[in-house]
C-alpha atoms as a PDB file:
ATOM      1  CA  UNK A   1     -22.500  28.619  17.444  1.00  0.00           C
ATOM      2  CA  UNK A   2     -21.315  28.876  21.063  1.00  0.00           C
ATOM      3  CA  UNK A   3     -17.924  30.101  22.188  1.00  0.00           C
ATOM      4  CA  UNK A   4     -15.280  27.360  22.288  1.00  0.00           C
ATOM      5  CA  UNK A   5     -17.179  25.057  19.905  1.00  0.00           C
ATOM      6  CA  UNK A   6     -17.039  24.994  16.165  1.00  0.00           C
ATOM      7  CA  UNK A   7     -19.043  23.365  13.455  1.00  0.00           C
ATOM      8  CA  UNK A   8     -17.133  20.416  12.033  1.00  0.00           C
ATOM      9  CA  UNK A   9     -15.932  20.968   8.499  1.00  0.00           C
ATOM     10  CA  UNK A  10     -17.035  18.753   5.639  1.00  0.00           C
ATOM     11  CA  UNK A  11     -13.722  16.918   5.903  1.00  0.00           C
ATOM     12  CA  UNK A  12     -14.113  16.326   9.642  1.00  0.00           C
ATOM     13  CA  UNK A  13     -17.626  14.955   9.093  1.00  0.00           C
ATOM     14  CA  UNK A  14     -16.437  12.680   6.291  1.00  0.00           C
ATOM     15  CA  UNK A  15     -13.557  11.417   8.419  1.00  0.00           C
ATOM     16  CA  UNK A  16     -15.967  10.537  11.219  1.00  0.00           C
ATOM     17  CA  UNK A  17     -18.270   8.515   8.935  1.00  0.00           C
ATOM     18  CA  UNK A  18     -18.277   4.739   9.053  1.00  0.00           C
ATOM     19  CA  UNK A  19     -17.632   4.463   5.280  1.00  0.00           C
ATOM     20  CA  UNK A  20     -14.451   6.506   5.553  1.00  0.00           C
ATOM     21  CA  UNK A  21     -13.226   4.452   8.500  1.00  0.00           C
ATOM     22  CA  UNK A  22     -13.938   1.290   6.499  1.00  0.00           C
ATOM     23  CA  UNK A  23     -11.974   2.691   3.553  1.00  0.00           C
ATOM     24  CA  UNK A  24      -9.002   3.386   5.825  1.00  0.00           C
ATOM     25  CA  UNK A  25      -9.260  -0.097   7.349  1.00  0.00           C
ATOM     26  CA  UNK A  26      -9.314  -1.752   3.927  1.00  0.00           C
ATOM     27  CA  UNK A  27      -6.321   0.281   2.742  1.00  0.00           C
ATOM     28  CA  UNK A  28      -4.305  -0.425   5.868  1.00  0.00           C
ATOM     29  CA  UNK A  29      -5.175  -4.124   5.891  1.00  0.00           C
ATOM     30  CA  UNK A  30      -3.538  -4.419   2.477  1.00  0.00           C
ATOM     31  CA  UNK A  31      -0.813  -1.801   2.539  1.00  0.00           C
ATOM     32  CA  UNK A  32       0.756  -2.463   5.935  1.00  0.00           C
ATOM     33  CA  UNK A  33       1.279  -6.240   5.571  1.00  0.00           C
ATOM     34  CA  UNK A  34       2.471  -5.850   1.969  1.00  0.00           C
ATOM     35  CA  UNK A  35       4.902  -3.114   2.976  1.00  0.00           C
ATOM     36  CA  UNK A  36       6.237  -5.247   5.831  1.00  0.00           C
ATOM     37  CA  UNK A  37       6.618  -8.244   3.508  1.00  0.00           C
ATOM     38  CA  UNK A  38       8.445  -6.180   0.893  1.00  0.00           C
ATOM     39  CA  UNK A  39      10.822  -4.677   3.461  1.00  0.00           C
ATOM     40  CA  UNK A  40      11.518  -8.151   4.880  1.00  0.00           C
ATOM     41  CA  UNK A  41      12.241  -9.436   1.368  1.00  0.00           C
ATOM     42  CA  UNK A  42      14.541  -6.460   0.679  1.00  0.00           C
ATOM     43  CA  UNK A  43      16.297  -6.866   4.030  1.00  0.00           C
ATOM     44  CA  UNK A  44      16.823 -10.566   3.297  1.00  0.00           C
ATOM     45  CA  UNK A  45      18.600  -9.604   0.077  1.00  0.00           C
ATOM     46  CA  UNK A  46      20.803  -7.085   1.896  1.00  0.00           C
ATOM     47  CA  UNK A  47      21.635  -9.525   4.710  1.00  0.00           C
ATOM     48  CA  UNK A  48      22.441 -12.327   2.291  1.00  0.00           C
ATOM     49  CA  UNK A  49      24.636  -9.957   0.271  1.00  0.00           C
ATOM     50  CA  UNK A  50      26.548  -8.955   3.377  1.00  0.00           C
ATOM     51  CA  UNK A  51      26.813 -12.210   5.294  1.00  0.00           C
ATOM     52  CA  UNK A  52      26.212 -15.058   2.853  1.00  0.00           C
ATOM     53  CA  UNK A  53      28.581 -14.114   0.088  1.00  0.00           C
ATOM     54  CA  UNK A  54      29.369 -17.716  -0.781  1.00  0.00           C
ATOM     55  CA  UNK A  55      25.684 -18.493  -1.259  1.00  0.00           C
ATOM     56  CA  UNK A  56      25.062 -15.319  -3.263  1.00  0.00           C
ATOM     57  CA  UNK A  57      28.053 -16.117  -5.469  1.00  0.00           C
ATOM     58  CA  UNK A  58      26.784 -19.548  -6.495  1.00  0.00           C
ATOM     59  CA  UNK A  59      26.620 -19.622 -10.299  1.00  0.00           C
ATOM     60  CA  UNK A  60      23.314 -20.844 -11.627  1.00  0.00           C
ATOM     61  CA  UNK A  61      24.210 -20.759 -15.325  1.00  0.00           C
ATOM     62  CA  UNK A  62      26.923 -18.936 -17.215  1.00  0.00           C
ATOM     63  CA  UNK A  63      27.857 -15.790 -15.307  1.00  0.00           C
ATOM     64  CA  UNK A  64      24.430 -15.548 -13.643  1.00  0.00           C
ATOM     65  CA  UNK A  65      24.622 -16.112  -9.903  1.00  0.00           C
ATOM     66  CA  UNK A  66      22.113 -16.185  -7.056  1.00  0.00           C
ATOM     67  CA  UNK A  67      22.746 -12.511  -6.194  1.00  0.00           C
ATOM     68  CA  UNK A  68      21.876 -11.367  -9.712  1.00  0.00           C
ATOM     69  CA  UNK A  69      18.694 -13.432  -9.814  1.00  0.00           C
ATOM     70  CA  UNK A  70      17.554 -12.223  -6.380  1.00  0.00           C
ATOM     71  CA  UNK A  71      18.399  -8.642  -7.353  1.00  0.00           C
ATOM     72  CA  UNK A  72      16.292  -8.893 -10.497  1.00  0.00           C
ATOM     73  CA  UNK A  73      13.496 -10.455  -8.472  1.00  0.00           C
ATOM     74  CA  UNK A  74      13.457  -7.268  -6.381  1.00  0.00           C
ATOM     75  CA  UNK A  75      12.316  -5.409  -9.495  1.00  0.00           C
ATOM     76  CA  UNK A  76       9.814  -8.120 -10.392  1.00  0.00           C
ATOM     77  CA  UNK A  77       8.323  -8.053  -6.901  1.00  0.00           C
ATOM     78  CA  UNK A  78       8.025  -4.248  -7.015  1.00  0.00           C
ATOM     79  CA  UNK A  79       6.050  -4.381 -10.254  1.00  0.00           C
ATOM     80  CA  UNK A  80       3.961  -7.294  -8.984  1.00  0.00           C
ATOM     81  CA  UNK A  81       3.047  -5.359  -5.811  1.00  0.00           C
ATOM     82  CA  UNK A  82       2.039  -2.315  -7.887  1.00  0.00           C
ATOM     83  CA  UNK A  83      -0.112  -4.496 -10.147  1.00  0.00           C
ATOM     84  CA  UNK A  84      -1.679  -6.352  -7.208  1.00  0.00           C
ATOM     85  CA  UNK A  85      -2.439  -3.086  -5.423  1.00  0.00           C
ATOM     86  CA  UNK A  86      -4.121  -1.627  -8.502  1.00  0.00           C
ATOM     87  CA  UNK A  87      -6.357  -4.705  -8.724  1.00  0.00           C
ATOM     88  CA  UNK A  88      -7.124  -4.580  -5.005  1.00  0.00           C
ATOM     89  CA  UNK A  89      -7.889  -0.852  -5.123  1.00  0.00           C
ATOM     90  CA  UNK A  90     -10.133  -1.280  -8.140  1.00  0.00           C
ATOM     91  CA  UNK A  91     -12.204  -3.964  -6.414  1.00  0.00           C
ATOM     92  CA  UNK A  92     -12.151  -2.939  -2.731  1.00  0.00           C
ATOM     93  CA  UNK A  93     -11.179   0.726  -2.401  1.00  0.00           C
ATOM     94  CA  UNK A  94     -12.380   2.630  -5.450  1.00  0.00           C
ATOM     95  CA  UNK A  95     -16.102   1.795  -5.131  1.00  0.00           C
ATOM     96  CA  UNK A  96     -16.143   2.920  -1.503  1.00  0.00           C
ATOM     97  CA  UNK A  97     -14.098   6.035  -2.262  1.00  0.00           C
ATOM     98  CA  UNK A  98     -16.529   6.896  -5.069  1.00  0.00           C
ATOM     99  CA  UNK A  99     -19.444   6.517  -2.670  1.00  0.00           C
ATOM    100  CA  UNK A 100     -17.765   8.835  -0.154  1.00  0.00           C
ATOM    101  CA  UNK A 101     -16.933  11.363  -2.880  1.00  0.00           C
ATOM    102  CA  UNK A 102     -20.505  11.356  -4.195  1.00  0.00           C
ATOM    103  CA  UNK A 103     -21.833  11.917  -0.675  1.00  0.00           C
ATOM    104  CA  UNK A 104     -19.464  14.836  -0.132  1.00  0.00           C
ATOM    105  CA  UNK A 105     -20.389  16.412  -3.449  1.00  0.00           C
ATOM    106  CA  UNK A 106     -24.092  16.018  -2.727  1.00  0.00           C
ATOM    107  CA  UNK A 107     -23.580  17.636   0.690  1.00  0.00           C
ATOM    108  CA  UNK A 108     -21.629  20.487  -0.859  1.00  0.00           C
ATOM    109  CA  UNK A 109     -24.334  21.098  -3.479  1.00  0.00           C
ATOM    110  CA  UNK A 110     -27.122  21.077  -0.904  1.00  0.00           C
ATOM    111  CA  UNK A 111     -25.319  23.572   1.362  1.00  0.00           C
END
């Protein structure tokens, strides 16, 4: 090894591999848009609560109004996103992550 240069660590080599970059791309292509959509949905609820009080106060049935229904839908959407992510990860992320892990373990064993 020459002065000023170092051997890349296992983690640096893995990070530079095409499979790892693909894994990051797949994760980001799902997580970023879903996060933006969820924040927009949450912000809509907050804005409507602050500036559309008449609309949010509309009674749908009994004492249940639009605000209550939209508030409960916040919880439903949170659980739906978690479920959808687990399905996406199982199909698109986990197989690639397993491949990367197996490669790293094989490299570690051969060293």
